[in-house]
Amino acid sequence: MKKNIFYAIVFIFSIGTAFSQSMPEVELTEEWKDKIYELAPDKTTFPFKTKKKVLVFSLHTGFWHWVNPHTEAMFKILGEKSGAFEVVGSTDLAMMEKNKLKEFDLVIFNNTNSKPTYRNLFVDKLTEEGNMDSVAVWKKAADLEKNVINYVKKGGGFFVIHGGNTTLNNSMEFSRLLGGSFDYHPKQQPIHVRLVDPQHPLVQAFPADGFVHTNEPYFYKNAYAELDFKPLLYFNNAEIEAQRKGQELVDGVTYVAWIRKEGKGRVLYSSPSHNAQSFENPDLLQFFLDGMQYLVGDIEVDETPIGK
C-alpha cells in the first residue's frame, strides 16, 4: 500500500515538472554509482550455477544518449553485487565478429543508435573508418548483422535497451530478431507503465498496478505489427501526449518491454530508460537483473507470442 502511495505522489509531481522539459543530465560519479549499488538487489531472484559473461556494447553513430555510461555502470553494478555476472563494456565494432561474440553468454545493445541516413550502425562505423569502398562496407555490415542473428539462434542472450532498436532499423531480419523497429517518439513525459500479466516471473519486481517514470514513449514499426513476442510491459496510447499528427492512437496499447525466443537463444527489449534517474527505482534494477537471468537460461518462463 505504501509503495502504491509513493508512486501516486511521484506521478502527481511529475505532471507538473516533466511535461515541459527533459530530465536534467546527471554526472556519472562514484557517488552516483554508490547510490545505485545500494539500491541494486543483494542477490538474484532465481538460482544460478555459474557466473555468466556479459558484453555491454555501447557504440553509437547517431543520437547520443547521455545515459549510456550510466547504463553500462548500472549493469556492472548488477553483475558485481549479485555475483551472477561478469560484465565488460566496449564500443569496438570488432566485438561483433563471430569469435568475439561467442565469448559471451549475453550481449546488451546499450542505445546503439545509428544515423538517420541508412539506419545501419555497422555501415555508419565502417564508412567512418574509411578503409573500404561502399560495396565492401555493405557486404561487411551484412556479415556483422548475420553474426549477431546467428549468435542468438545458437543460444546467446540478447538484451536491447531503449534506442538500441535503431541499430539496424531498416533490416526486416533484425526487426524480426528484436520484435520490432523504432518508428518515432513524442516528447519526454511521465508514463504510467503497466504490467501485461502481474503473475509473470519477470515482472514480479513491480507493483501490480505498474509504475510511473519519465521517458520517451516509443512507437514501433516493421516486425512489431506481427506481435511475435511475449509482452511484459505497456502503456495506454490514449495517455500519451504530443503523438505524431495524423497518426494519433486514441485507444489500444503500445508495449514497453517484451521477450521472445529465437532458435536456441532469447531476446529481451526494454524501452526504459532514457534517463539515469530511472535507475534510482530499485524495482527497475530488479527487472533488469531478472531479465538478464532469463536471457542466460537461469529460468524458464512463458514466452508464447501473442501474435501467433
Protein backbone atom coordinates (compact mmCIF):
# COMPACT_ATOMS: atom_id res chain seq x y z
CA MET A 1 0.00 0.00 0.00
CA LYS A 2 2.80 2.42 0.92
CA LYS A 3 4.57 1.65 -2.36
CA ASN A 4 1.42 2.49 -4.35
CA ILE A 5 1.03 5.79 -2.48
CA PHE A 6 4.66 6.61 -3.26
CA TYR A 7 4.15 6.06 -6.99
CA ALA A 8 1.00 8.16 -6.94
CA ILE A 9 2.96 11.02 -5.38
CA VAL A 10 5.70 10.62 -7.97
CA PHE A 11 3.13 10.73 -10.77
CA ILE A 12 1.45 13.89 -9.46
CA PHE A 13 4.80 15.60 -9.02
CA SER A 14 5.95 14.54 -12.47
CA ILE A 15 2.92 16.02 -14.21
CA GLY A 16 3.92 19.47 -13.01
CA THR A 17 7.61 19.19 -13.79
CA ALA A 18 8.41 16.78 -16.59
CA PHE A 19 5.99 17.56 -19.42
CA SER A 20 7.70 20.84 -20.18
CA GLN A 21 11.32 19.73 -20.33
CA SER A 22 13.71 16.80 -20.47
CA MET A 23 15.21 15.38 -17.32
CA PRO A 24 18.47 17.11 -16.32
CA GLU A 25 21.69 15.25 -17.05
CA VAL A 26 23.29 13.51 -14.11
CA GLU A 27 27.06 13.37 -13.79
CA LEU A 28 28.49 9.87 -13.62
CA THR A 29 30.38 9.99 -10.34
CA GLU A 30 31.48 7.48 -7.73
CA GLU A 31 28.78 8.92 -5.50
CA TRP A 32 26.12 8.16 -8.14
CA LYS A 33 27.44 4.63 -8.60
CA ASP A 34 27.46 4.10 -4.83
CA LYS A 35 23.81 5.17 -4.72
CA ILE A 36 22.86 2.69 -7.45
CA TYR A 37 24.89 -0.03 -5.71
CA GLU A 38 22.85 0.50 -2.53
CA LEU A 39 19.58 0.33 -4.48
CA ALA A 40 20.56 -2.74 -6.53
CA PRO A 41 19.35 -6.22 -5.47
CA ASP A 42 21.53 -8.01 -2.94
CA LYS A 43 21.11 -11.30 -4.75
CA THR A 44 19.45 -12.86 -7.76
CA THR A 45 15.77 -13.80 -7.73
CA PHE A 46 16.46 -17.17 -9.36
CA PRO A 47 19.25 -19.63 -8.51
CA PHE A 48 22.24 -19.85 -10.83
CA LYS A 49 25.04 -22.38 -11.13
CA THR A 50 27.84 -20.43 -12.78
CA LYS A 51 28.74 -16.79 -13.28
CA LYS A 52 27.93 -15.70 -16.85
CA LYS A 53 29.90 -13.31 -19.03
CA VAL A 54 28.15 -10.21 -20.39
CA LEU A 55 29.10 -7.66 -23.04
CA VAL A 56 27.57 -4.19 -22.86
CA PHE A 57 28.04 -2.83 -26.38
CA SER A 58 27.65 0.96 -26.43
CA LEU A 59 28.83 2.05 -29.88
CA HIS A 60 26.71 4.76 -31.44
CA THR A 61 26.93 6.82 -34.61
CA GLY A 62 23.58 8.58 -34.34
CA PHE A 63 21.84 10.22 -31.39
CA TRP A 64 23.99 10.29 -28.25
CA HIS A 65 22.10 9.33 -25.10
CA TRP A 66 23.86 10.90 -22.12
CA VAL A 67 22.71 7.93 -20.07
CA ASN A 68 24.94 5.48 -21.99
CA PRO A 69 27.84 5.40 -19.50
CA HIS A 70 25.38 5.27 -16.60
CA THR A 71 23.65 2.27 -18.20
CA GLU A 72 26.93 0.41 -18.58
CA ALA A 73 27.84 1.24 -14.98
CA MET A 74 24.42 0.06 -13.80
CA PHE A 75 24.80 -3.34 -15.48
CA LYS A 76 28.28 -3.74 -14.00
CA ILE A 77 26.85 -3.00 -10.56
CA LEU A 78 24.06 -5.55 -11.02
CA GLY A 79 26.60 -8.17 -12.03
CA GLU A 80 29.04 -7.39 -9.25
CA LYS A 81 26.57 -7.11 -6.37
CA SER A 82 24.59 -10.21 -7.33
CA GLY A 83 27.70 -12.21 -8.12
CA ALA A 84 25.90 -13.68 -11.12
CA PHE A 85 27.56 -11.82 -13.99
CA GLU A 86 30.97 -10.64 -15.13
CA VAL A 87 30.20 -7.52 -17.18
CA VAL A 88 32.55 -5.80 -19.62
CA GLY A 89 31.87 -2.78 -21.81
CA SER A 90 33.03 -1.91 -25.32
CA THR A 91 32.43 0.39 -28.28
CA ASP A 92 34.68 -1.63 -30.59
CA LEU A 93 32.88 -2.86 -33.72
CA ALA A 94 35.22 -5.85 -33.77
CA MET A 95 33.19 -7.25 -30.87
CA MET A 96 30.54 -8.18 -33.44
CA GLU A 97 32.86 -10.73 -35.05
CA LYS A 98 31.91 -14.38 -34.52
CA ASN A 99 34.94 -15.24 -32.42
CA LYS A 100 34.28 -12.31 -30.08
CA LEU A 101 30.54 -12.82 -29.68
CA LYS A 102 30.97 -16.46 -28.70
CA GLU A 103 32.97 -15.36 -25.63
CA PHE A 104 29.75 -14.02 -24.07
CA ASP A 105 26.61 -15.61 -22.68
CA LEU A 106 24.73 -12.33 -23.06
CA VAL A 107 25.18 -9.28 -25.30
CA ILE A 108 23.49 -5.99 -24.38
CA PHE A 109 22.99 -3.28 -27.01
CA ASN A 110 23.08 -0.07 -24.99
CA ASN A 111 21.50 2.75 -27.01
CA THR A 112 23.43 1.69 -30.10
CA ASN A 113 21.79 4.39 -32.18
CA SER A 114 22.54 4.66 -35.89
CA LYS A 115 22.44 7.74 -38.11
CA PRO A 116 19.16 8.50 -39.89
CA THR A 117 20.77 8.26 -43.35
CA TYR A 118 20.91 4.47 -43.58
CA ARG A 119 19.80 3.47 -40.08
CA ASN A 120 22.62 0.95 -40.04
CA LEU A 121 25.18 1.26 -37.25
CA PHE A 122 27.61 -1.11 -38.94
CA VAL A 123 27.56 0.76 -42.27
CA ASP A 124 27.98 4.05 -40.42
CA LYS A 125 31.06 2.92 -38.49
CA LEU A 126 32.73 1.08 -41.38
CA THR A 127 32.24 4.12 -43.63
CA GLU A 128 33.66 6.36 -40.91
CA GLU A 129 36.78 4.22 -40.72
CA GLY A 130 37.31 4.91 -44.43
CA ASN A 131 39.32 1.82 -45.43
CA MET A 132 36.66 0.16 -47.64
CA ASP A 133 34.68 1.11 -50.71
CA SER A 134 30.90 1.23 -50.44
CA VAL A 135 30.37 -2.27 -51.84
CA ALA A 136 32.77 -3.76 -49.29
CA VAL A 137 31.20 -1.70 -46.49
CA TRP A 138 27.71 -3.03 -47.14
CA LYS A 139 28.95 -6.60 -47.50
CA LYS A 140 30.87 -6.42 -44.23
CA ALA A 141 27.91 -4.78 -42.47
CA ALA A 142 25.66 -7.62 -43.67
CA ASP A 143 28.17 -10.16 -42.34
CA LEU A 144 28.22 -8.48 -38.91
CA GLU A 145 24.42 -8.42 -38.79
CA LYS A 146 24.37 -12.12 -39.64
CA ASN A 147 26.89 -12.75 -36.85
CA VAL A 148 24.55 -11.17 -34.28
CA ILE A 149 21.49 -13.05 -35.53
CA ASN A 150 23.34 -16.38 -35.60
CA TYR A 151 24.80 -15.71 -32.15
CA VAL A 152 21.26 -15.57 -30.76
CA LYS A 153 19.97 -18.51 -32.80
CA LYS A 154 22.78 -20.68 -31.44
CA GLY A 155 21.88 -19.89 -27.83
CA GLY A 156 23.15 -16.41 -26.97
CA GLY A 157 21.16 -13.93 -24.92
CA PHE A 158 20.35 -10.56 -26.49
CA PHE A 159 19.18 -7.57 -24.45
CA VAL A 160 18.40 -4.34 -26.30
CA ILE A 161 17.97 -1.15 -24.29
CA HIS A 162 15.94 1.88 -25.42
CA GLY A 163 17.42 3.36 -28.63
CA GLY A 164 19.32 0.17 -29.40
CA ASN A 165 16.36 -0.77 -31.59
CA THR A 166 17.60 1.73 -34.21
CA THR A 167 20.87 -0.22 -34.68
CA LEU A 168 19.72 -1.80 -37.95
CA ASN A 169 16.36 -0.11 -38.19
CA ASN A 170 15.67 -0.82 -41.87
CA SER A 171 16.57 -4.50 -41.71
CA MET A 172 13.47 -6.68 -41.52
CA GLU A 173 15.54 -9.66 -40.39
CA PHE A 174 16.96 -7.69 -37.46
CA SER A 175 13.49 -6.31 -36.73
CA ARG A 176 12.13 -9.85 -36.51
CA LEU A 177 15.01 -10.86 -34.23
CA LEU A 178 14.22 -8.00 -31.89
CA GLY A 179 10.45 -7.96 -32.29
CA GLY A 180 10.13 -4.52 -33.85
CA SER A 181 11.87 -1.41 -35.17
CA PHE A 182 11.83 2.18 -33.98
CA ASP A 183 9.24 4.41 -35.64
CA TYR A 184 9.16 7.64 -33.60
CA HIS A 185 8.69 9.05 -30.12
CA PRO A 186 6.79 12.06 -28.77
CA LYS A 187 8.36 14.34 -26.16
CA GLN A 188 9.55 13.02 -22.83
CA GLN A 189 6.73 12.78 -20.33
CA PRO A 190 5.61 10.83 -17.26
CA ILE A 191 4.46 7.42 -18.48
CA HIS A 192 2.31 5.05 -16.46
CA VAL A 193 3.90 1.72 -17.33
CA ARG A 194 1.55 -1.20 -16.67
CA LEU A 195 2.09 -4.95 -16.38
CA VAL A 196 0.60 -7.22 -19.04
CA ASP A 197 0.49 -10.12 -16.58
CA PRO A 198 1.37 -9.30 -12.95
CA GLN A 199 1.96 -13.03 -12.34
CA HIS A 200 4.72 -13.36 -14.94
CA PRO A 201 8.04 -14.15 -13.18
CA LEU A 202 9.93 -11.38 -15.00
CA VAL A 203 7.73 -8.53 -13.71
CA GLN A 204 7.40 -9.64 -10.08
CA ALA A 205 9.59 -6.73 -9.01
CA PHE A 206 6.90 -4.17 -9.84
CA PRO A 207 3.69 -3.25 -8.02
CA ALA A 208 0.65 -4.91 -9.58
CA ASP A 209 -0.58 -1.54 -10.89
CA GLY A 210 2.76 -0.74 -12.54
CA PHE A 211 4.95 2.30 -12.09
CA VAL A 212 5.44 5.82 -13.39
CA HIS A 213 8.64 7.15 -14.87
CA THR A 214 9.69 9.92 -17.23
CA ASN A 215 10.79 8.72 -20.62
CA GLU A 216 10.28 8.98 -24.37
CA PRO A 217 7.24 6.88 -25.26
CA TYR A 218 8.45 4.77 -28.18
CA PHE A 219 6.22 3.69 -31.05
CA TYR A 220 7.35 0.90 -33.39
CA LYS A 221 7.10 -0.40 -36.96
CA ASN A 222 8.16 -3.29 -39.22
CA ALA A 223 8.06 -6.64 -37.38
CA TYR A 224 6.28 -5.08 -34.39
CA ALA A 225 2.98 -5.48 -36.28
CA GLU A 226 3.48 -9.25 -36.23
CA LEU A 227 3.49 -9.27 -32.40
CA ASP A 228 5.85 -12.24 -32.47
CA PHE A 229 6.80 -11.78 -28.83
CA LYS A 230 5.56 -12.16 -25.27
CA PRO A 231 4.83 -8.65 -23.95
CA LEU A 232 5.71 -7.74 -20.37
CA LEU A 233 5.02 -4.01 -20.00
CA TYR A 234 2.84 -1.49 -21.84
CA PHE A 235 1.31 1.98 -21.80
CA ASN A 236 -2.18 3.08 -22.80
CA ASN A 237 -1.96 5.01 -26.08
CA ALA A 238 -4.67 7.47 -25.04
CA GLU A 239 -2.45 8.67 -22.17
CA ILE A 240 0.44 9.72 -24.42
CA GLU A 241 0.63 13.40 -25.35
CA ALA A 242 2.06 15.01 -28.49
CA GLN A 243 1.76 11.99 -30.79
CA ARG A 244 2.65 12.43 -34.45
CA LYS A 245 -0.07 14.37 -36.23
CA GLY A 246 -2.21 12.17 -38.39
CA GLN A 247 -1.06 9.04 -36.54
CA GLU A 248 -2.57 9.67 -33.12
CA LEU A 249 -3.59 6.49 -31.33
CA VAL A 250 -6.56 7.11 -29.07
CA ASP A 251 -7.17 3.55 -27.98
CA GLY A 252 -5.24 0.33 -27.53
CA VAL A 253 -1.79 -0.12 -26.02
CA THR A 254 1.85 0.02 -27.03
CA TYR A 255 4.30 -2.38 -25.45
CA VAL A 256 7.27 -1.08 -23.50
CA ALA A 257 9.13 -4.36 -22.91
CA TRP A 258 8.86 -7.88 -24.28
CA ILE A 259 10.68 -11.19 -24.64
CA ARG A 260 10.94 -13.70 -27.45
CA LYS A 261 12.67 -16.95 -28.31
CA GLU A 262 14.92 -17.07 -31.37
CA GLY A 263 16.30 -20.51 -32.14
CA LYS A 264 18.13 -21.64 -29.00
CA GLY A 265 18.55 -18.06 -27.77
CA ARG A 266 16.43 -15.47 -26.03
CA VAL A 267 15.74 -11.78 -26.67
CA LEU A 268 14.56 -9.02 -24.34
CA TYR A 269 13.72 -5.49 -25.44
CA SER A 270 13.17 -2.76 -22.85
CA SER A 271 12.41 0.85 -23.71
CA PRO A 272 13.23 2.15 -20.20
CA SER A 273 15.26 4.17 -19.88
CA HIS A 274 16.34 7.40 -21.50
CA ASN A 275 17.37 8.90 -18.16
CA ALA A 276 19.71 7.78 -15.40
CA GLN A 277 17.13 8.93 -12.86
CA SER A 278 15.08 5.84 -13.69
CA PHE A 279 17.84 3.64 -12.28
CA GLU A 280 17.02 5.06 -8.87
CA ASN A 281 13.91 2.86 -8.95
CA PRO A 282 15.06 -0.40 -7.30
CA ASP A 283 12.17 -2.26 -8.93
CA LEU A 284 13.54 -1.42 -12.37
CA LEU A 285 17.01 -2.60 -11.32
CA GLN A 286 15.46 -5.89 -10.17
CA PHE A 287 13.63 -6.19 -13.51
CA PHE A 288 16.88 -5.77 -15.42
CA LEU A 289 18.66 -8.37 -13.26
CA ASP A 290 15.77 -10.82 -13.58
CA GLY A 291 15.78 -10.23 -17.34
CA MET A 292 19.49 -10.98 -17.53
CA GLN A 293 18.89 -14.27 -15.74
CA TYR A 294 16.15 -15.17 -18.19
CA LEU A 295 18.41 -14.39 -21.14
CA VAL A 296 21.21 -16.69 -19.96
CA GLY A 297 18.80 -19.54 -19.20
CA ASP A 298 18.67 -19.41 -15.40
CA ILE A 299 14.86 -19.55 -15.54
CA GLU A 300 12.26 -20.88 -17.95
CA VAL A 301 9.20 -18.64 -18.42
CA ASP A 302 6.18 -18.38 -20.69
CA GLU A 303 7.46 -16.98 -24.00
CA THR A 304 4.29 -17.59 -26.02
CA PRO A 305 3.99 -14.83 -28.67
CA ILE A 306 0.65 -13.02 -28.60
CA GLY A 307 0.62 -12.74 -32.39
CA LYS A 308 0.76 -16.47 -33.02
